[in-house]
Amino acid sequence: MTASFYIISAVVLLSTLLALTRRNAMHALLYLIVSLLSVATVFLLMGAYLAAALEVIIYAGAIMVFFIFVIMMLNIAEAPIPKGGDWLSPRAWLGPAFLSTVLAGELVFILAKGGTIRGLTAASPKQVGVALYGPYMLGAELASLLLLAALVGAFHLGRKLATAPERRED
């Protein structure tokens, strides 16, 4: 199971790196979805079944749908997007499809072997909460502050500066 962990970790790192380096936002979202599903598989491998399910439902499901909706509504593209679906070529799907296939193969292998790393037991939601808000409470709070700072920074960078209208002297 250690080899499975390393393969899944490689998929996480590669898909996250590819998500960060894509110029097209939709292509980056495809790689980000693969990355989030890979993290859910790592949670599954570690025995945190609730965290794995929440990762898939909340992050890979709801938040990614919201991101796709916002990108489609804003339609911020350097060039106009052609009609007919030609803008998302099959070549754009090859990378995420390959990484997803590797991830699906690892998931089948993990479930066939018993589901967790040898020696680990499934963690209950209470145990995850006690661990997160016990010795790691400072780290969780710092991560939330970092996310808040990123949100405020993104808002200020993304908003259009309103210019004051010129005064007319009659």
N, C-alpha and C. Protein backbone atom coordinates (compact mmCIF):
# COMPACT_ATOMS: atom_id res chain seq x y z
N MET A 1 0.82 -1.20 0.00
CA MET A 1 0.00 0.00 0.00
C MET A 1 0.86 1.27 0.00
N THR A 2 2.11 1.14 0.42
CA THR A 2 2.99 2.30 0.40
C THR A 2 3.24 2.74 -1.04
N ALA A 3 3.38 1.79 -1.95
CA ALA A 3 3.57 2.13 -3.36
C ALA A 3 2.34 2.86 -3.89
N SER A 4 1.15 2.44 -3.47
CA SER A 4 -0.08 3.13 -3.88
C SER A 4 -0.07 4.57 -3.40
N PHE A 5 0.38 4.78 -2.18
CA PHE A 5 0.45 6.14 -1.64
C PHE A 5 1.38 7.00 -2.49
N TYR A 6 2.53 6.47 -2.86
CA TYR A 6 3.48 7.24 -3.66
C TYR A 6 2.95 7.51 -5.07
N ILE A 7 2.26 6.56 -5.66
CA ILE A 7 1.69 6.78 -6.99
C ILE A 7 0.60 7.84 -6.93
N ILE A 8 -0.27 7.74 -5.93
CA ILE A 8 -1.34 8.73 -5.79
C ILE A 8 -0.76 10.10 -5.48
N SER A 9 0.28 10.15 -4.66
CA SER A 9 0.92 11.42 -4.36
C SER A 9 1.54 12.04 -5.60
N ALA A 10 2.12 11.20 -6.47
CA ALA A 10 2.67 11.71 -7.72
C ALA A 10 1.57 12.28 -8.61
N VAL A 11 0.40 11.62 -8.62
CA VAL A 11 -0.74 12.13 -9.40
C VAL A 11 -1.20 13.47 -8.82
N VAL A 12 -1.24 13.57 -7.49
CA VAL A 12 -1.63 14.84 -6.85
C VAL A 12 -0.68 15.95 -7.26
N LEU A 13 0.62 15.70 -7.12
CA LEU A 13 1.60 16.74 -7.43
C LEU A 13 1.59 17.11 -8.91
N LEU A 14 1.53 16.12 -9.79
CA LEU A 14 1.54 16.39 -11.22
C LEU A 14 0.28 17.15 -11.66
N SER A 15 -0.87 16.71 -11.19
CA SER A 15 -2.11 17.38 -11.62
C SER A 15 -2.20 18.79 -11.03
N THR A 16 -1.71 19.00 -9.82
CA THR A 16 -1.71 20.34 -9.25
C THR A 16 -0.75 21.24 -10.00
N LEU A 17 0.43 20.73 -10.34
CA LEU A 17 1.39 21.52 -11.11
C LEU A 17 0.82 21.88 -12.47
N LEU A 18 0.17 20.93 -13.12
CA LEU A 18 -0.44 21.20 -14.43
C LEU A 18 -1.61 22.18 -14.31
N ALA A 19 -2.34 22.12 -13.19
CA ALA A 19 -3.43 23.07 -12.98
C ALA A 19 -2.88 24.49 -12.83
N LEU A 20 -1.74 24.61 -12.20
CA LEU A 20 -1.15 25.93 -12.00
C LEU A 20 -0.52 26.51 -13.26
N THR A 21 -0.11 25.66 -14.18
CA THR A 21 0.61 26.14 -15.35
C THR A 21 -0.25 26.27 -16.60
N ARG A 22 -1.51 25.91 -16.57
CA ARG A 22 -2.37 26.02 -17.74
C ARG A 22 -2.80 27.47 -17.94
N ARG A 23 -2.82 27.91 -19.17
CA ARG A 23 -3.25 29.27 -19.48
C ARG A 23 -4.78 29.36 -19.61
N ASN A 24 -5.39 28.28 -20.07
CA ASN A 24 -6.84 28.25 -20.21
C ASN A 24 -7.45 27.83 -18.87
N ALA A 25 -8.39 28.61 -18.38
CA ALA A 25 -8.97 28.35 -17.06
C ALA A 25 -9.74 27.04 -17.02
N MET A 26 -10.42 26.67 -18.09
CA MET A 26 -11.17 25.42 -18.10
C MET A 26 -10.22 24.21 -18.05
N HIS A 27 -9.09 24.30 -18.73
CA HIS A 27 -8.12 23.21 -18.68
C HIS A 27 -7.52 23.10 -17.29
N ALA A 28 -7.27 24.23 -16.66
CA ALA A 28 -6.76 24.22 -15.29
C ALA A 28 -7.76 23.60 -14.33
N LEU A 29 -9.04 23.86 -14.53
CA LEU A 29 -10.07 23.27 -13.68
C LEU A 29 -10.15 21.76 -13.84
N LEU A 30 -9.93 21.26 -15.04
CA LEU A 30 -9.92 19.81 -15.24
C LEU A 30 -8.80 19.16 -14.41
N TYR A 31 -7.62 19.76 -14.45
CA TYR A 31 -6.51 19.22 -13.66
C TYR A 31 -6.76 19.41 -12.17
N LEU A 32 -7.40 20.49 -11.78
CA LEU A 32 -7.70 20.70 -10.36
C LEU A 32 -8.70 19.67 -9.84
N ILE A 33 -9.66 19.30 -10.66
CA ILE A 33 -10.62 18.26 -10.27
C ILE A 33 -9.89 16.93 -10.06
N VAL A 34 -8.96 16.60 -10.96
CA VAL A 34 -8.17 15.38 -10.80
C VAL A 34 -7.35 15.45 -9.52
N SER A 35 -6.79 16.61 -9.22
CA SER A 35 -6.02 16.77 -7.99
C SER A 35 -6.87 16.56 -6.75
N LEU A 36 -8.06 17.13 -6.74
CA LEU A 36 -8.94 16.97 -5.59
C LEU A 36 -9.41 15.52 -5.42
N LEU A 37 -9.68 14.85 -6.52
CA LEU A 37 -10.05 13.44 -6.43
C LEU A 37 -8.88 12.59 -5.93
N SER A 38 -7.67 12.98 -6.30
CA SER A 38 -6.49 12.27 -5.81
C SER A 38 -6.31 12.46 -4.31
N VAL A 39 -6.55 13.66 -3.83
CA VAL A 39 -6.46 13.90 -2.39
C VAL A 39 -7.52 13.09 -1.66
N ALA A 40 -8.70 12.98 -2.23
CA ALA A 40 -9.74 12.15 -1.63
C ALA A 40 -9.30 10.69 -1.57
N THR A 41 -8.58 10.23 -2.58
CA THR A 41 -8.08 8.86 -2.58
C THR A 41 -7.02 8.67 -1.49
N VAL A 42 -6.21 9.68 -1.26
CA VAL A 42 -5.23 9.60 -0.16
C VAL A 42 -5.96 9.51 1.18
N PHE A 43 -7.03 10.30 1.35
CA PHE A 43 -7.82 10.20 2.58
C PHE A 43 -8.42 8.80 2.73
N LEU A 44 -8.90 8.25 1.63
CA LEU A 44 -9.45 6.90 1.66
C LEU A 44 -8.39 5.88 2.04
N LEU A 45 -7.20 6.05 1.50
CA LEU A 45 -6.10 5.16 1.80
C LEU A 45 -5.70 5.22 3.27
N MET A 46 -5.82 6.41 3.87
CA MET A 46 -5.45 6.58 5.27
C MET A 46 -6.56 6.16 6.23
N GLY A 47 -7.73 5.84 5.70
CA GLY A 47 -8.82 5.38 6.55
C GLY A 47 -9.78 6.48 6.99
N ALA A 48 -9.61 7.69 6.50
CA ALA A 48 -10.52 8.79 6.83
C ALA A 48 -11.62 8.84 5.77
N TYR A 49 -12.59 7.93 5.90
CA TYR A 49 -13.63 7.79 4.88
C TYR A 49 -14.52 9.02 4.79
N LEU A 50 -14.83 9.63 5.93
CA LEU A 50 -15.66 10.84 5.91
C LEU A 50 -14.95 11.97 5.18
N ALA A 51 -13.68 12.15 5.47
CA ALA A 51 -12.91 13.22 4.80
C ALA A 51 -12.84 12.96 3.29
N ALA A 52 -12.70 11.70 2.89
CA ALA A 52 -12.67 11.37 1.47
C ALA A 52 -14.01 11.69 0.81
N ALA A 53 -15.10 11.31 1.47
CA ALA A 53 -16.42 11.58 0.91
C ALA A 53 -16.69 13.08 0.83
N LEU A 54 -16.31 13.82 1.87
CA LEU A 54 -16.51 15.27 1.85
C LEU A 54 -15.65 15.95 0.80
N GLU A 55 -14.45 15.44 0.59
CA GLU A 55 -13.57 15.99 -0.45
C GLU A 55 -14.22 15.86 -1.83
N VAL A 56 -14.82 14.71 -2.08
CA VAL A 56 -15.46 14.49 -3.38
C VAL A 56 -16.73 15.32 -3.51
N ILE A 57 -17.57 15.29 -2.48
CA ILE A 57 -18.86 15.97 -2.57
C ILE A 57 -18.71 17.49 -2.57
N ILE A 58 -17.94 18.01 -1.62
CA ILE A 58 -17.86 19.46 -1.46
C ILE A 58 -16.90 20.09 -2.45
N TYR A 59 -15.65 19.62 -2.46
CA TYR A 59 -14.64 20.28 -3.28
C TYR A 59 -14.73 19.88 -4.74
N ALA A 60 -14.58 18.59 -5.03
CA ALA A 60 -14.57 18.15 -6.44
C ALA A 60 -15.95 18.29 -7.07
N GLY A 61 -16.99 18.30 -6.26
CA GLY A 61 -18.34 18.44 -6.80
C GLY A 61 -18.82 19.87 -6.81
N ALA A 62 -19.24 20.34 -5.66
CA ALA A 62 -19.94 21.63 -5.57
C ALA A 62 -19.06 22.83 -5.91
N ILE A 63 -17.88 22.90 -5.36
CA ILE A 63 -17.06 24.09 -5.58
C ILE A 63 -16.55 24.14 -7.02
N MET A 64 -16.20 23.00 -7.60
CA MET A 64 -15.75 23.00 -8.99
C MET A 64 -16.89 23.38 -9.95
N VAL A 65 -18.10 22.92 -9.65
CA VAL A 65 -19.25 23.34 -10.47
C VAL A 65 -19.44 24.85 -10.37
N PHE A 66 -19.26 25.38 -9.19
CA PHE A 66 -19.36 26.83 -9.00
C PHE A 66 -18.27 27.55 -9.79
N PHE A 67 -17.03 27.07 -9.75
CA PHE A 67 -15.94 27.68 -10.52
C PHE A 67 -16.24 27.65 -12.01
N ILE A 68 -16.71 26.51 -12.50
CA ILE A 68 -17.04 26.40 -13.92
C ILE A 68 -18.16 27.36 -14.29
N PHE A 69 -19.16 27.48 -13.43
CA PHE A 69 -20.26 28.40 -13.68
C PHE A 69 -19.76 29.84 -13.75
N VAL A 70 -18.90 30.24 -12.83
CA VAL A 70 -18.37 31.61 -12.83
C VAL A 70 -17.53 31.86 -14.07
N ILE A 71 -16.69 30.92 -14.44
CA ILE A 71 -15.85 31.11 -15.63
C ILE A 71 -16.71 31.21 -16.88
N MET A 72 -17.74 30.40 -16.97
CA MET A 72 -18.61 30.47 -18.14
C MET A 72 -19.43 31.75 -18.17
N MET A 73 -19.84 32.23 -17.00
CA MET A 73 -20.63 33.46 -16.96
C MET A 73 -19.79 34.69 -17.26
N LEU A 74 -18.56 34.72 -16.75
CA LEU A 74 -17.70 35.88 -16.98
C LEU A 74 -17.16 35.92 -18.40
N ASN A 75 -16.89 34.74 -18.97
CA ASN A 75 -16.40 34.61 -20.34
C ASN A 75 -15.19 35.51 -20.58
N ILE A 76 -14.20 35.40 -19.69
CA ILE A 76 -12.98 36.19 -19.82
C ILE A 76 -12.01 35.39 -20.66
N ALA A 77 -11.92 35.72 -21.92
CA ALA A 77 -11.01 35.01 -22.80
C ALA A 77 -10.25 36.04 -23.63
N GLU A 78 -9.02 35.67 -23.99
CA GLU A 78 -8.24 36.58 -24.83
C GLU A 78 -8.84 36.68 -26.23
N ALA A 79 -9.34 35.59 -26.73
CA ALA A 79 -9.98 35.56 -28.04
C ALA A 79 -11.40 35.04 -27.85
N PRO A 80 -12.32 35.43 -28.72
CA PRO A 80 -13.68 34.92 -28.59
C PRO A 80 -13.71 33.39 -28.72
N ILE A 81 -14.53 32.76 -27.91
CA ILE A 81 -14.64 31.31 -27.92
C ILE A 81 -15.51 30.90 -29.11
N PRO A 82 -14.99 30.03 -29.98
CA PRO A 82 -15.79 29.62 -31.13
C PRO A 82 -16.98 28.77 -30.70
N LYS A 83 -18.03 28.87 -31.48
CA LYS A 83 -19.23 28.10 -31.20
C LYS A 83 -19.04 26.67 -31.69
N GLY A 84 -19.82 25.77 -31.13
CA GLY A 84 -19.80 24.39 -31.59
C GLY A 84 -18.93 23.47 -30.76
N GLY A 85 -18.39 23.94 -29.65
CA GLY A 85 -17.61 23.07 -28.78
C GLY A 85 -16.20 22.79 -29.26
N ASP A 86 -15.69 23.52 -30.24
CA ASP A 86 -14.34 23.28 -30.74
C ASP A 86 -13.27 23.81 -29.78
N TRP A 87 -13.65 24.61 -28.84
CA TRP A 87 -12.67 25.23 -27.94
C TRP A 87 -12.12 24.26 -26.91
N LEU A 88 -12.81 23.13 -26.67
CA LEU A 88 -12.31 22.12 -25.76
C LEU A 88 -11.99 20.87 -26.58
N SER A 89 -10.80 20.89 -27.16
CA SER A 89 -10.40 19.82 -28.07
C SER A 89 -10.11 18.54 -27.30
N PRO A 90 -10.11 17.40 -28.00
CA PRO A 90 -9.78 16.13 -27.33
C PRO A 90 -8.37 16.15 -26.75
N ARG A 91 -7.47 16.92 -27.33
CA ARG A 91 -6.11 17.01 -26.80
C ARG A 91 -6.09 17.58 -25.39
N ALA A 92 -7.04 18.45 -25.08
CA ALA A 92 -7.12 19.04 -23.74
C ALA A 92 -7.56 18.01 -22.71
N TRP A 93 -8.22 16.95 -23.14
CA TRP A 93 -8.71 15.92 -22.22
C TRP A 93 -7.70 14.80 -22.01
N LEU A 94 -6.66 14.72 -22.82
CA LEU A 94 -5.74 13.59 -22.73
C LEU A 94 -5.02 13.54 -21.38
N GLY A 95 -4.48 14.65 -20.91
CA GLY A 95 -3.77 14.67 -19.64
C GLY A 95 -4.65 14.31 -18.46
N PRO A 96 -5.78 15.02 -18.27
CA PRO A 96 -6.66 14.65 -17.16
C PRO A 96 -7.21 13.23 -17.28
N ALA A 97 -7.47 12.76 -18.50
CA ALA A 97 -7.99 11.41 -18.67
C ALA A 97 -6.94 10.37 -18.27
N PHE A 98 -5.69 10.61 -18.64
CA PHE A 98 -4.61 9.68 -18.26
C PHE A 98 -4.43 9.65 -16.75
N LEU A 99 -4.37 10.82 -16.12
CA LEU A 99 -4.20 10.87 -14.67
C LEU A 99 -5.40 10.26 -13.94
N SER A 100 -6.59 10.47 -14.46
CA SER A 100 -7.79 9.88 -13.85
C SER A 100 -7.79 8.36 -14.00
N THR A 101 -7.28 7.85 -15.12
CA THR A 101 -7.19 6.41 -15.31
C THR A 101 -6.20 5.79 -14.33
N VAL A 102 -5.07 6.46 -14.12
CA VAL A 102 -4.10 5.98 -13.13
C VAL A 102 -4.74 5.98 -11.75
N LEU A 103 -5.46 7.05 -11.44
CA LEU A 103 -6.11 7.17 -10.14
C LEU A 103 -7.20 6.10 -9.96
N ALA A 104 -7.98 5.84 -11.00
CA ALA A 104 -9.02 4.81 -10.91
C ALA A 104 -8.41 3.43 -10.73
N GLY A 105 -7.31 3.16 -11.42
CA GLY A 105 -6.63 1.88 -11.24
C GLY A 105 -6.12 1.70 -9.82
N GLU A 106 -5.56 2.75 -9.25
CA GLU A 106 -5.09 2.70 -7.86
C GLU A 106 -6.26 2.51 -6.89
N LEU A 107 -7.37 3.16 -7.17
CA LEU A 107 -8.54 3.03 -6.31
C LEU A 107 -9.07 1.60 -6.32
N VAL A 108 -9.13 0.98 -7.49
CA VAL A 108 -9.57 -0.41 -7.58
C VAL A 108 -8.59 -1.31 -6.83
N PHE A 109 -7.30 -1.06 -6.99
CA PHE A 109 -6.29 -1.86 -6.28
C PHE A 109 -6.42 -1.72 -4.77
N ILE A 110 -6.64 -0.50 -4.29
CA ILE A 110 -6.78 -0.25 -2.85
C ILE A 110 -8.01 -0.96 -2.30
N LEU A 111 -9.12 -0.83 -2.99
CA LEU A 111 -10.35 -1.47 -2.52
C LEU A 111 -10.25 -2.99 -2.57
N ALA A 112 -9.51 -3.54 -3.53
CA ALA A 112 -9.35 -4.99 -3.61
C ALA A 112 -8.46 -5.52 -2.49
N LYS A 113 -7.52 -4.69 -2.02
CA LYS A 113 -6.58 -5.13 -0.98
C LYS A 113 -7.09 -4.87 0.43
N GLY A 114 -8.19 -4.19 0.60
CA GLY A 114 -8.71 -3.99 1.94
C GLY A 114 -9.00 -2.54 2.28
N GLY A 115 -8.54 -1.61 1.51
CA GLY A 115 -8.96 -0.23 1.68
C GLY A 115 -8.04 0.70 2.43
N THR A 116 -7.18 0.24 3.32
CA THR A 116 -6.31 1.15 4.05
C THR A 116 -4.90 0.59 4.09
N ILE A 117 -3.97 1.41 4.54
CA ILE A 117 -2.60 0.97 4.73
C ILE A 117 -2.57 0.00 5.90
N ARG A 118 -1.77 -1.02 5.78
CA ARG A 118 -1.67 -2.03 6.83
C ARG A 118 -1.33 -1.39 8.17
N GLY A 119 -2.07 -1.76 9.20
CA GLY A 119 -1.79 -1.25 10.54
C GLY A 119 -2.63 -0.03 10.90
N LEU A 120 -3.24 0.61 9.93
CA LEU A 120 -4.09 1.76 10.22
C LEU A 120 -5.54 1.32 10.34
N THR A 121 -6.25 1.96 11.23
CA THR A 121 -7.68 1.71 11.35
C THR A 121 -8.44 2.93 10.86
N ALA A 122 -9.69 2.74 10.55
CA ALA A 122 -10.50 3.85 10.07
C ALA A 122 -10.66 4.89 11.17
N ALA A 123 -10.51 6.15 10.80
CA ALA A 123 -10.64 7.24 11.77
C ALA A 123 -12.09 7.72 11.77
N SER A 124 -12.66 7.85 12.96
CA SER A 124 -14.03 8.35 13.07
C SER A 124 -14.01 9.87 12.91
N PRO A 125 -15.16 10.46 12.58
CA PRO A 125 -15.20 11.92 12.46
C PRO A 125 -14.79 12.62 13.76
N LYS A 126 -15.11 12.02 14.90
CA LYS A 126 -14.73 12.62 16.18
C LYS A 126 -13.21 12.63 16.33
N GLN A 127 -12.55 11.55 15.94
CA GLN A 127 -11.10 11.49 16.03
C GLN A 127 -10.45 12.51 15.11
N VAL A 128 -10.99 12.69 13.91
CA VAL A 128 -10.45 13.69 12.99
C VAL A 128 -10.62 15.08 13.57
N GLY A 129 -11.79 15.38 14.14
CA GLY A 129 -12.03 16.68 14.74
C GLY A 129 -11.14 16.95 15.94
N VAL A 130 -10.97 15.94 16.79
CA VAL A 130 -10.11 16.11 17.96
C VAL A 130 -8.66 16.33 17.53
N ALA A 131 -8.21 15.61 16.51
CA ALA A 131 -6.84 15.79 16.03
C ALA A 131 -6.66 17.15 15.37
N LEU A 132 -7.65 17.58 14.61
CA LEU A 132 -7.54 18.85 13.89
C LEU A 132 -7.59 20.04 14.82
N TYR A 133 -8.49 20.00 15.78
CA TYR A 133 -8.64 21.14 16.68
C TYR A 133 -8.01 20.90 18.04
N GLY A 134 -7.17 19.88 18.15
CA GLY A 134 -6.40 19.64 19.37
C GLY A 134 -4.99 20.15 19.15
N PRO A 135 -4.07 19.26 18.85
CA PRO A 135 -2.68 19.70 18.69
C PRO A 135 -2.43 20.51 17.42
N TYR A 136 -3.31 20.42 16.44
CA TYR A 136 -3.11 21.13 15.18
C TYR A 136 -4.03 22.34 15.04
N MET A 137 -4.55 22.85 16.15
CA MET A 137 -5.48 23.96 16.08
C MET A 137 -4.81 25.22 15.53
N LEU A 138 -3.59 25.49 15.93
CA LEU A 138 -2.89 26.68 15.45
C LEU A 138 -2.70 26.61 13.93
N GLY A 139 -2.34 25.43 13.43
CA GLY A 139 -2.18 25.27 11.98
C GLY A 139 -3.48 25.47 11.22
N ALA A 140 -4.59 24.96 11.77
CA ALA A 140 -5.89 25.13 11.12
C ALA A 140 -6.30 26.60 11.11
N GLU A 141 -6.04 27.30 12.20
CA GLU A 141 -6.38 28.73 12.26
C GLU A 141 -5.51 29.55 11.32
N LEU A 142 -4.22 29.22 11.25
CA LEU A 142 -3.34 29.94 10.32
C LEU A 142 -3.74 29.68 8.87
N ALA A 143 -4.15 28.46 8.56
CA ALA A 143 -4.62 28.16 7.20
C ALA A 143 -5.89 28.95 6.88
N SER A 144 -6.80 29.08 7.86
CA SER A 144 -8.02 29.85 7.61
C SER A 144 -7.70 31.34 7.42
N LEU A 145 -6.74 31.86 8.17
CA LEU A 145 -6.33 33.26 7.99
C LEU A 145 -5.66 33.47 6.63
N LEU A 146 -4.86 32.49 6.21
CA LEU A 146 -4.22 32.58 4.90
C LEU A 146 -5.27 32.57 3.78
N LEU A 147 -6.28 31.73 3.91
CA LEU A 147 -7.35 31.70 2.91
C LEU A 147 -8.15 33.00 2.91
N LEU A 148 -8.38 33.57 4.09
CA LEU A 148 -9.08 34.85 4.16
C LEU A 148 -8.26 35.96 3.50
N ALA A 149 -6.95 35.98 3.75
CA ALA A 149 -6.09 36.97 3.13
C ALA A 149 -6.07 36.81 1.61
N ALA A 150 -6.06 35.55 1.14
CA ALA A 150 -6.10 35.31 -0.30
C ALA A 150 -7.41 35.77 -0.90
N LEU A 151 -8.51 35.58 -0.18
CA LEU A 151 -9.81 36.02 -0.66
C LEU A 151 -9.88 37.55 -0.77
N VAL A 152 -9.39 38.24 0.25
CA VAL A 152 -9.39 39.71 0.22
C VAL A 152 -8.46 40.21 -0.89
N GLY A 153 -7.29 39.58 -1.03
CA GLY A 153 -6.37 39.98 -2.09
C GLY A 153 -6.95 39.75 -3.47
N ALA A 154 -7.62 38.62 -3.67
CA ALA A 154 -8.24 38.34 -4.96
C ALA A 154 -9.36 39.34 -5.27
N PHE A 155 -10.09 39.73 -4.23
CA PHE A 155 -11.15 40.72 -4.44
C PHE A 155 -10.56 42.05 -4.88
N HIS A 156 -9.51 42.47 -4.21
CA HIS A 156 -8.92 43.78 -4.56
C HIS A 156 -8.21 43.74 -5.90
N LEU A 157 -7.61 42.64 -6.26
CA LEU A 157 -6.98 42.54 -7.56
C LEU A 157 -7.99 42.42 -8.68
N GLY A 158 -9.11 41.79 -8.41
CA GLY A 158 -10.10 41.54 -9.44
C GLY A 158 -11.09 42.65 -9.70
N ARG A 159 -11.26 43.52 -8.74
CA ARG A 159 -12.26 44.56 -8.96
C ARG A 159 -11.74 45.63 -9.89
N LYS A 160 -12.63 46.25 -10.60
CA LYS A 160 -12.26 47.33 -11.49
C LYS A 160 -12.25 48.62 -10.69
N LEU A 161 -11.23 49.39 -10.90
CA LEU A 161 -11.15 50.66 -10.19
C LEU A 161 -12.14 51.63 -10.80
N ALA A 162 -12.96 52.17 -9.93
CA ALA A 162 -13.96 53.13 -10.38
C ALA A 162 -13.30 54.50 -10.46
N THR A 163 -13.38 55.09 -11.63
CA THR A 163 -12.81 56.43 -11.77
C THR A 163 -13.91 57.44 -11.51
N ALA A 164 -13.51 58.50 -10.88
CA ALA A 164 -14.49 59.55 -10.57
C ALA A 164 -14.87 60.26 -11.86
N PRO A 165 -16.14 60.56 -12.03
CA PRO A 165 -16.53 61.28 -13.25
C PRO A 165 -15.98 62.71 -13.22
N GLU A 166 -15.69 63.18 -14.40
CA GLU A 166 -15.14 64.53 -14.51
C GLU A 166 -16.19 65.55 -14.11
N ARG A 167 -15.75 66.55 -13.42
CA ARG A 167 -16.67 67.63 -13.03
C ARG A 167 -16.75 68.63 -14.17
N ARG A 168 -17.94 69.01 -14.42
CA ARG A 168 -18.15 70.03 -15.45
C ARG A 168 -18.42 71.35 -14.79
N GLU A 169 -17.68 72.32 -15.17
CA GLU A 169 -17.89 73.66 -14.63
C GLU A 169 -18.69 74.45 -15.67
N ASP A 170 -19.90 74.78 -15.29
CA ASP A 170 -20.75 75.54 -16.23
C ASP A 170 -20.66 77.01 -16.00
